Protein backbone atom coordinates (compact mmCIF):
# COMPACT_ATOMS: atom_id res chain seq x y z
CA MET A 1 56.05 -11.98 62.79
CA ALA A 2 58.09 -9.94 60.36
CA ALA A 3 57.51 -10.62 56.68
CA ALA A 4 61.24 -11.40 56.10
CA GLN A 5 61.25 -13.93 58.86
CA ALA A 6 58.07 -15.63 57.49
CA MET A 7 59.54 -15.81 54.02
CA ALA A 8 62.72 -17.36 55.42
CA MET A 9 60.74 -20.04 57.24
CA VAL A 10 58.43 -20.80 54.25
CA PRO A 11 60.16 -20.56 50.86
CA GLY A 12 57.83 -19.26 48.09
CA LEU A 13 55.44 -17.73 50.65
CA ARG A 14 53.07 -15.31 48.91
CA LEU A 15 52.43 -12.01 50.50
CA VAL A 16 49.24 -10.01 49.79
CA PRO A 17 48.83 -6.48 51.11
CA ALA A 18 46.10 -6.18 53.73
CA GLU A 19 43.14 -3.93 52.70
CA PRO A 20 40.91 -3.66 55.81
CA GLU A 21 38.68 -1.03 54.27
CA ALA A 22 38.11 -3.06 51.08
CA ASP A 23 37.42 -6.19 53.20
CA ALA A 24 34.85 -4.36 55.28
CA ALA A 25 33.13 -2.96 52.09
CA GLY A 26 33.13 -6.47 50.59
CA LEU A 27 31.50 -7.89 53.75
CA VAL A 28 28.80 -5.28 53.53
CA ARG A 29 28.13 -6.20 49.87
CA LEU A 30 27.93 -9.87 50.76
CA GLY A 31 25.58 -9.11 53.66
CA ILE A 32 23.26 -7.15 51.32
CA TRP A 33 23.33 -10.07 48.85
CA CYS A 34 22.30 -12.40 51.73
CA LEU A 35 19.09 -10.46 52.09
CA ARG A 36 17.80 -12.76 49.35
CA TYR A 37 17.42 -15.43 52.08
CA ALA A 38 15.93 -13.44 55.00
CA PRO A 39 15.21 -9.84 55.95
CA LEU A 40 17.32 -9.90 59.17
CA VAL A 41 21.01 -9.95 58.18
CA ALA A 42 23.83 -8.71 60.47
CA LEU A 43 27.52 -8.36 59.90
CA ASP A 44 30.08 -10.27 62.13
CA PRO A 45 33.37 -8.55 61.19
CA PRO A 46 35.85 -9.33 59.90
CA ASP A 47 34.61 -12.35 58.07
CA GLY A 48 31.18 -13.53 59.27
CA ILE A 49 27.52 -12.94 58.55
CA LEU A 50 24.54 -13.79 60.70
CA ILE A 51 21.19 -14.46 59.01
CA ASP A 52 17.96 -14.78 60.96
CA VAL A 53 16.00 -17.24 58.77
CA ALA A 54 12.98 -17.57 61.12
CA GLY A 55 9.86 -17.02 59.05
CA ALA A 56 11.72 -17.04 55.74
CA ALA A 57 13.15 -20.57 55.33
CA HIS A 58 9.94 -21.90 53.88
CA LEU A 59 10.43 -19.76 50.84
CA GLN A 60 13.50 -21.82 49.99
CA GLY A 61 11.86 -25.15 50.71
CA GLY A 62 13.07 -25.47 54.28
CA GLU A 63 16.20 -24.85 56.28
CA ALA A 64 18.24 -27.69 54.68
CA ASN A 65 17.46 -26.41 51.15
CA LEU A 66 18.31 -22.91 52.24
CA LEU A 67 21.77 -23.87 53.55
CA ALA A 68 22.45 -26.04 50.45
CA ASP A 69 21.52 -23.22 48.06
CA LEU A 70 23.62 -20.76 50.03
CA ALA A 71 26.64 -23.01 50.03
CA ALA A 72 26.37 -23.77 46.31
CA ARG A 73 26.06 -20.05 45.37
CA LEU A 74 29.07 -19.12 47.49
CA GLU A 75 31.11 -21.96 46.02
CA ARG A 76 30.24 -20.89 42.47
CA THR A 77 31.64 -17.43 43.25
CA GLY A 78 34.87 -18.93 44.60
CA MET A 79 34.15 -18.38 48.24
CA SER A 80 34.69 -20.98 50.89
CA ALA A 81 32.31 -20.95 53.88
CA CYS A 82 31.38 -22.92 56.90
CA LEU A 83 27.59 -22.75 57.49
CA ALA A 84 25.65 -23.61 60.63
CA LEU A 85 22.02 -23.12 61.58
CA ALA A 86 20.86 -23.16 65.25
CA ASP A 87 18.25 -21.65 67.60
CA THR A 88 20.42 -18.64 68.54
CA PRO A 89 23.03 -16.48 66.78
CA GLY A 90 25.62 -17.43 69.33
CA ALA A 91 25.10 -21.15 68.90
CA ALA A 92 25.28 -20.87 65.10
CA TRP A 93 28.49 -18.81 65.37
CA ALA A 94 30.05 -21.42 67.64
CA VAL A 95 29.02 -24.45 65.66
CA ALA A 96 30.19 -22.89 62.35
CA ARG A 97 33.62 -21.78 63.64
CA PHE A 98 34.44 -24.44 66.21
CA GLY A 99 32.11 -27.31 65.40
CA PRO A 100 31.12 -29.44 62.37
CA GLY A 101 28.64 -26.92 60.95
CA GLY A 102 25.27 -28.02 59.65
CA ILE A 103 21.84 -27.82 61.34
CA VAL A 104 21.52 -28.06 65.08
CA PRO A 105 18.07 -29.65 65.84
CA PRO A 106 15.58 -27.42 67.65
CA GLY A 107 16.12 -27.70 71.36
CA GLY A 108 19.55 -29.28 70.84
CA THR A 109 21.65 -26.15 71.40
CA SER A 110 23.07 -27.01 74.80
CA VAL A 111 24.13 -30.52 73.68
CA ALA A 112 25.75 -29.07 70.53
CA LEU A 113 27.80 -26.62 72.65
CA LEU A 114 28.97 -28.99 75.42
CA ASP A 115 32.22 -30.15 73.81
CA LEU A 116 33.16 -26.85 72.09
CA PRO A 117 35.97 -24.73 73.60
CA VAL A 118 34.95 -21.70 75.66
CA ALA A 119 36.44 -19.52 72.81
CA ALA A 120 33.38 -20.48 70.81
CA LEU A 121 31.36 -18.14 73.07
CA ARG A 122 33.14 -15.17 71.44
CA LEU A 123 34.99 -14.34 74.63
CA PRO A 124 38.08 -12.10 74.68
CA PRO A 125 41.37 -14.05 74.64
CA GLU A 126 42.26 -12.84 78.16
CA ILE A 127 39.05 -14.29 79.63
CA VAL A 128 39.60 -17.54 77.72
CA ALA A 129 43.12 -17.74 79.21
CA ALA A 130 41.88 -16.97 82.71
CA LEU A 131 39.18 -19.71 82.47
CA ALA A 132 41.79 -22.16 81.29
CA GLU A 133 43.86 -21.47 84.51
CA VAL A 134 40.96 -22.73 86.58
CA GLY A 135 40.46 -25.83 84.37
CA ILE A 136 37.37 -24.57 82.41
CA LEU A 137 38.31 -25.39 78.75
CA ARG A 138 35.02 -26.48 77.36
CA ILE A 139 31.55 -24.81 77.36
CA GLY A 140 30.21 -27.81 79.17
CA GLY A 141 32.50 -27.03 82.08
CA LEU A 142 31.28 -23.45 82.12
CA MET A 143 27.68 -24.73 82.17
CA ALA A 144 28.40 -26.98 85.16
CA ALA A 145 30.33 -24.37 87.23
CA PRO A 146 28.55 -22.35 89.99
CA ARG A 147 27.42 -19.04 88.47
CA ALA A 148 28.02 -16.77 91.48
CA PRO A 149 31.74 -17.50 91.86
CA LEU A 150 32.25 -17.19 88.11
CA ARG A 151 30.60 -13.76 88.10
CA ARG A 152 32.65 -12.52 91.00
CA ARG A 153 36.01 -13.76 89.47
CA PHE A 154 35.48 -13.20 85.72
CA GLY A 155 32.81 -10.55 85.50
CA PRO A 156 29.36 -10.77 83.79
CA GLU A 157 30.62 -11.37 80.17
CA PRO A 158 31.22 -15.17 80.24
CA LEU A 159 27.82 -15.89 81.72
CA LEU A 160 26.16 -13.30 79.36
CA ARG A 161 27.72 -14.93 76.30
CA LEU A 162 26.64 -18.35 77.56
CA ASP A 163 23.13 -17.31 78.21
CA ARG A 164 22.89 -15.69 74.67
CA ALA A 165 24.27 -18.84 73.03
CA THR A 166 21.77 -21.05 74.85
CA GLY A 167 18.86 -18.79 74.32
CA ALA A 168 18.36 -17.80 77.97
CA GLU A 169 19.05 -14.11 76.99
CA PRO A 170 18.07 -12.46 73.73
CA GLU A 171 20.86 -11.09 71.48
CA PRO A 172 20.07 -7.90 69.56
CA LEU A 173 21.71 -7.64 66.13
CA ALA A 174 22.64 -4.61 64.04
CA ILE A 175 20.40 -5.32 61.06
CA LEU A 176 21.39 -4.43 57.47
CA ALA A 177 18.86 -2.58 55.28
CA ALA A 178 18.33 -3.32 51.61
CA PRO A 179 19.48 -0.15 49.75
CA GLU A 180 17.18 1.71 47.44
CA ALA A 181 14.22 -0.58 48.06
CA PRO A 182 10.64 0.74 48.37
CA ARG A 183 10.06 1.07 52.13
CA ALA A 184 7.45 2.24 54.56
CA ALA A 185 7.86 2.53 58.36
CA LEU A 186 5.70 3.46 61.36
CA ARG A 187 7.01 4.35 64.80
CA PHE A 188 4.51 4.30 67.66
CA PRO A 189 4.38 6.73 70.56
CA ASP A 190 3.44 3.79 72.83
CA PRO A 191 4.46 0.13 72.36
CA VAL A 192 1.82 -1.98 70.68
CA GLY A 193 1.38 -5.76 70.86
CA SER A 194 -2.26 -6.85 70.24
CA PRO A 195 -2.83 -8.87 67.04
CA GLU A 196 -5.77 -6.61 66.04
CA VAL A 197 -3.55 -3.45 66.22
CA LEU A 198 -0.68 -5.12 64.41
CA GLY A 199 -3.07 -6.29 61.66
CA ARG A 200 -4.30 -2.70 61.10
CA VAL A 201 -0.75 -1.44 60.96
CA VAL A 202 0.17 -4.06 58.33
CA GLY A 203 -2.64 -2.78 56.16
CA ASP A 204 -1.59 0.80 56.65
CA LEU A 205 2.05 -0.01 55.66
CA CYS A 206 0.92 -1.86 52.54
CA THR A 207 -1.23 1.13 51.58
CA ARG A 208 1.78 3.42 52.07
CA ILE A 209 4.22 1.38 50.01
CA VAL A 210 1.91 0.90 46.95
CA PRO A 211 2.25 4.52 45.75
CA ASP A 212 6.02 4.15 45.64
CA LEU A 213 5.68 0.97 43.67
CA GLU A 214 3.35 2.65 41.20
CA ARG A 215 5.63 5.54 40.72
CA MET A 216 8.48 3.21 39.84
CA GLY A 217 6.30 0.94 37.65
CA LEU A 218 7.15 -1.96 39.88
CA GLY A 219 5.32 -4.75 41.61
CA ALA A 220 6.40 -6.60 44.78
CA ARG A 221 7.60 -10.20 44.56
CA ARG A 222 8.87 -10.29 48.09
CA LEU A 223 7.91 -8.29 51.17
CA ASP A 224 9.85 -8.13 54.45
CA LEU A 225 8.15 -6.80 57.58
CA VAL A 226 10.50 -6.09 60.47
CA PHE A 227 9.24 -5.59 64.05
CA ARG A 228 11.53 -3.78 66.53
CA ARG A 229 10.63 -4.43 70.11
CA ILE A 230 11.28 -2.02 73.02
CA ASP A 231 14.13 -4.29 74.11
CA ARG A 232 15.82 -3.64 70.69
CA LEU A 233 15.26 -7.16 69.51
CA ASP A 234 14.21 -7.39 65.89
CA GLN A 235 11.87 -10.02 64.45
CA ALA A 236 10.71 -10.37 60.86
CA ILE A 237 8.30 -12.12 58.56
CA ARG A 238 8.77 -12.60 54.82
CA ILE A 239 6.22 -13.40 52.12
CA GLY A 240 6.61 -13.98 48.40
CA THR A 241 4.22 -13.61 45.52
CA ALA A 242 3.87 -15.70 42.41
CA ARG A 243 3.61 -12.52 40.22
CA PRO A 244 4.45 -8.87 40.73
CA SER A 245 1.77 -7.31 42.77
CA ARG A 246 0.83 -3.93 44.23
CA ASP A 247 -2.58 -4.86 45.50
CA ALA A 248 -2.35 -3.49 49.02
CA ALA A 249 -5.27 -5.67 50.31
CA HIS A 250 -3.87 -8.86 48.95
CA LEU A 251 -0.33 -8.12 50.27
CA ALA A 252 -1.76 -7.24 53.68
CA ARG A 253 -3.68 -10.52 53.83
CA LEU A 254 -0.50 -12.49 53.06
CA LEU A 255 1.47 -10.67 55.80
CA THR A 256 -1.27 -10.99 58.43
CA GLU A 257 -1.21 -14.74 57.92
CA ARG A 258 2.32 -14.71 59.31
CA LEU A 259 1.63 -12.46 62.31
CA PRO A 260 1.21 -15.39 64.81
CA GLN A 261 4.97 -16.08 64.33
CA ILE A 262 5.87 -12.74 66.02
CA ASP A 263 6.43 -12.50 69.79
CA PRO A 264 5.79 -8.85 70.69
CA GLY A 265 7.33 -9.24 74.08
CA PHE A 266 6.69 -6.09 76.20
CA GLY A 267 5.62 -4.24 73.04
CA ILE A 268 6.70 -3.28 69.54
CA GLU A 269 7.87 0.32 68.97
CA GLU A 270 8.49 0.28 65.24
CA MET A 271 7.47 -1.64 62.10
CA THR A 272 9.17 -1.39 58.77
CA LEU A 273 7.89 -2.86 55.50
CA THR A 274 10.32 -3.30 52.66
CA ALA A 275 9.79 -4.55 49.11
CA SER A 276 13.09 -6.45 48.92
CA ARG A 277 12.40 -7.99 45.57
CA VAL A 278 10.54 -6.20 42.84
CA GLU A 279 9.82 -6.64 39.17
CA ALA A 280 8.44 -4.45 36.45
CA LEU A 281 4.62 -4.35 36.38
CA ALA A 282 2.91 -2.61 33.52
CA GLU A 283 -0.49 -1.09 33.83
CA ARG A 284 -3.26 -3.45 32.59
CA GLN A 285 -6.31 -2.45 30.69
CA LEU A 286 -9.64 -3.21 32.29
CA SER A 287 -11.57 -6.17 31.02
CA GLY A 288 -13.43 -5.52 27.77
CA ALA A 289 -16.34 -7.62 28.90
CA VAL A 290 -18.29 -4.39 29.72
CA LEU A 291 -17.80 -3.22 26.11
CA GLY A 292 -18.89 -6.56 24.68
CA GLY A 293 -15.33 -7.86 24.16
CA GLU A 294 -13.94 -11.21 25.43
CA PRO A 295 -13.45 -11.33 29.21
CA GLU A 296 -9.95 -11.60 30.59
CA ALA A 297 -8.52 -14.84 31.75
CA VAL A 298 -8.94 -15.50 35.53
CA ASP A 299 -5.93 -14.32 37.44
CA LEU A 300 -4.86 -17.10 39.82
CA ALA A 301 -1.95 -15.19 41.41
CA ALA A 302 -3.90 -14.44 44.61
CA LEU A 303 -4.97 -18.03 45.03
CA VAL A 304 -1.47 -19.32 44.34
CA ASP A 305 0.04 -16.87 46.85
CA THR A 306 -2.39 -17.97 49.58
CA LEU A 307 -1.72 -21.68 48.93
CA ARG A 308 2.03 -21.12 48.94
CA LEU A 309 1.81 -19.35 52.29
CA ARG A 310 -0.34 -21.98 53.92
CA LEU A 311 1.09 -25.18 52.40
CA GLY A 312 4.68 -24.17 51.59
CA ALA A 313 6.20 -22.84 48.32
CA GLU A 314 7.61 -26.26 47.45
CA ARG A 315 4.14 -27.88 47.35
CA ILE A 316 2.51 -25.54 44.83
CA TYR A 317 3.59 -26.20 41.28
CA ARG A 318 2.36 -27.48 37.97
CA LEU A 319 3.82 -30.14 35.65
CA ALA A 320 5.34 -29.17 32.34
CA PRO A 321 6.26 -31.50 29.45
CA VAL A 322 9.90 -32.25 28.59
CA GLU A 323 10.96 -33.53 25.17
CA SER A 324 12.05 -37.00 26.27
CA ASP A 325 10.83 -40.47 25.41
CA TRP A 326 11.57 -41.88 28.86
CA PRO A 327 8.35 -41.40 30.91
CA GLU A 328 10.10 -40.40 34.17
CA ARG A 329 12.05 -37.69 32.26
CA ALA A 330 9.11 -36.40 30.26
CA VAL A 331 7.82 -34.14 32.96
CA ARG A 332 9.26 -31.61 35.47
CA ARG A 333 7.98 -29.26 38.05
CA VAL A 334 7.72 -25.59 37.26
CA PRO A 335 6.24 -22.66 39.25
CA ALA A 336 2.46 -22.68 39.25
CA LEU A 337 2.21 -19.55 37.06
CA ALA A 338 5.27 -20.07 34.92
CA ALA A 339 4.84 -19.25 31.23
CA PRO A 340 4.34 -22.15 28.80
CA LEU A 341 7.64 -23.68 27.70
CA GLY A 342 6.50 -24.51 24.17
CA ALA A 343 6.88 -28.38 24.55
CA LEU A 344 3.81 -30.58 24.31
CA TRP A 345 3.21 -34.26 24.92
CA PRO A 346 2.38 -36.21 21.73
CA ALA A 347 -1.41 -36.68 21.57
CA ASP A 348 -1.05 -40.16 19.92
CA LEU A 349 1.00 -41.70 22.79
CA PRO A 350 -1.47 -42.95 25.44
CA ARG A 351 -0.05 -42.77 28.94
CA PRO A 352 -1.32 -43.94 32.33
CA ALA A 353 -3.27 -41.62 34.62
CA ARG A 354 -0.76 -42.18 37.39
CA LEU A 355 2.95 -42.74 36.93
CA LEU A 356 4.76 -44.38 39.83
CA ALA A 357 7.68 -42.43 41.33
CA ALA A 358 9.92 -45.34 40.38
CA PRO A 359 9.18 -48.52 38.41
CA GLU A 360 8.46 -51.48 40.75
CA PRO A 361 9.60 -54.97 39.92
CA VAL A 362 6.91 -57.62 39.18
CA ALA A 363 6.95 -61.39 38.44
CA ALA A 364 5.36 -61.92 35.07
CA MET A 365 5.28 -64.67 32.38
CA ALA A 366 4.96 -64.39 28.57
CA GLU A 367 4.58 -67.29 26.18
CA ILE A 368 6.56 -65.93 23.19
CA PRO A 369 8.95 -63.07 22.58
CA ASP A 370 7.45 -59.57 22.13
CA ALA A 371 4.10 -60.89 23.51
CA PRO A 372 2.45 -59.32 26.56
CA PRO A 373 2.49 -61.35 29.77
CA LEU A 374 -0.32 -63.75 30.72
CA PHE A 375 -0.30 -62.68 34.30
CA PHE A 376 1.88 -60.81 36.76
CA VAL A 377 2.39 -60.66 40.54
CA TRP A 378 2.73 -57.28 42.17
CA ARG A 379 3.01 -56.55 45.87
CA GLY A 380 1.91 -60.12 46.64
CA ALA A 381 -1.27 -60.01 44.46
CA ARG A 382 -1.68 -62.07 41.29
CA HIS A 383 -3.33 -60.31 38.30
CA LYS A 384 -4.53 -62.27 35.29
CA ILE A 385 -4.36 -60.28 32.06
CA THR A 386 -7.32 -60.50 29.64
CA ARG A 387 -6.49 -57.67 27.23
CA ALA A 388 -3.20 -56.06 26.19
CA ASP A 389 -1.63 -53.66 23.70
CA GLY A 390 2.01 -53.41 22.78
CA PRO A 391 4.91 -53.43 22.72
CA GLU A 392 5.86 -49.81 22.41
CA ARG A 393 9.63 -49.83 22.33
CA ILE A 394 11.59 -47.00 23.88
CA LEU A 395 15.33 -46.79 23.39
CA GLY A 396 17.88 -45.12 25.57
CA GLU A 397 18.78 -41.49 24.92
CA TRP A 398 22.42 -42.02 23.90
CA TRP A 399 23.15 -38.31 23.79
CA ILE A 400 22.74 -38.09 27.55
CA ALA A 401 25.34 -40.70 28.62
CA ASP A 402 27.26 -43.50 27.05
CA GLY A 403 25.39 -46.21 28.93
CA GLU A 404 22.11 -45.12 27.51
CA ALA A 405 22.90 -46.62 24.10
CA GLU A 406 22.34 -50.11 25.41
CA ARG A 407 19.10 -49.42 27.27
CA MET A 408 15.66 -50.30 26.01
CA ARG A 409 12.17 -50.91 27.28
CA ASP A 410 9.10 -52.61 25.76
CA TYR A 411 5.93 -51.13 27.29
CA TYR A 412 2.52 -52.88 27.34
CA ARG A 413 -0.92 -51.49 28.33
CA VAL A 414 -2.81 -54.36 29.90
CA GLU A 415 -6.18 -54.93 31.47
CA THR A 416 -6.93 -57.56 34.11
CA GLU A 417 -9.94 -59.75 34.55
CA ALA A 418 -11.00 -57.43 37.34
CA GLY A 419 -11.09 -54.45 34.92
CA GLU A 420 -7.93 -52.83 36.30
CA ARG A 421 -5.49 -51.30 33.88
CA PHE A 422 -1.70 -51.21 34.26
CA TRP A 423 1.40 -50.05 32.36
CA LEU A 424 4.11 -52.70 32.34
CA PHE A 425 7.50 -52.86 30.63
CA ARG A 426 10.32 -55.37 30.11
CA ASP A 427 13.88 -53.93 30.32
CA GLY A 428 15.28 -56.26 27.68
CA PRO A 429 14.46 -59.04 25.19
CA MET A 430 12.99 -62.23 26.59
CA GLU A 431 16.07 -64.20 25.33
CA ALA A 432 18.31 -61.77 27.29
CA ASN A 433 16.33 -62.47 30.51
CA GLY A 434 14.79 -58.97 30.51
CA ARG A 435 12.96 -58.22 33.79
CA TRP A 436 9.40 -57.00 34.15
CA TRP A 437 8.36 -53.79 35.87
CA LEU A 438 5.21 -51.90 36.68
CA HIS A 439 5.40 -48.20 35.84
CA GLY A 440 1.82 -46.87 35.75
CA LEU A 441 -1.79 -47.32 36.84
CA GLY A 442 -5.03 -46.59 35.10
CA GLU A 443 -5.43 -44.98 31.75
CA ALA A 444 -5.53 -41.26 30.86
């Protein structure tokens, strides 16, 4: 349509000159930025990006957290995006552009594709139109049709696209490489595939990349190891470290733990190790214990890295104090090796050994205002109180929200006749019918 005709049809239409070269360069920059999520990123011009998150999603706390973080970061930069995650690149592309987006459950690819139009298979418009002439409008219809007549009439492309979307055929991707990142690669004269050989190659690659890190004064915080099979299909594993490291043996151990995730197929012809995230790492002086000085503190980085790899990054953390009177706000999770934040818990405020995730309601009775209860019933069990201390009154933090000004709690440390200790509170004065809650167990 001519611009003059479009402006006549839509008054006030805004025209922006097309810049295909700038758009392509911008897509490349966005693809390189997406390497923060996984080592295998491919462009899907003119406006798409494919990210293979297999082996890397655990570093973001799982696939759902990865998608949520990606969507939030794109939104903060003013970009709108439809995100989908599936077993294959073709299925993810289809669900993102023609479906509702989100995560397709493992093994649910065929069901997710059934009702999508055949254009979701990235077929040329002429093939889509030809399929429509014979009544095949949805991918489900293409799945149900006999394959031999389809191939004779429409050629191999519709069935190839369908097989790639459902995972029956692999789909090679043109992978982006992180620019100016320390990298080491090995290409083999004959394909390799045994775990023992791959483990030795991993150690060799780590040994080769360490001198580059030393020369730059850097340590690796994230390593990507890409395996190229002889069928041109790329696979990758990613590991992260709690602190910058250039200990080749330690890095090799972390990568070797992930080798079972790799399917070598008929053989791997090339392996590339990239330090995709690095930080400055100054040289450290050796311990002065030999000279009679104080020994250095134990470095827990290797232990934390191993636990993160085996249990998941989200499960390895430590608790740090937060300056808040409300118990559930007085602590937060921080990385296991994070530097001290400077805040400390008051030493004169006794707290229970275990704080419940959320206060649980209990039935309790007190004789007079501000007195501890005589007994309470929690989870169907009656507990008679023999000793108590309190109340410790905590008021709402009015600077957080307007409703906080009216909140209050009276906490009591109590001991039952069975010797058990609990932390109870009442969320209002007795005359105002304040309710009783259990918030902690034991005594620190």
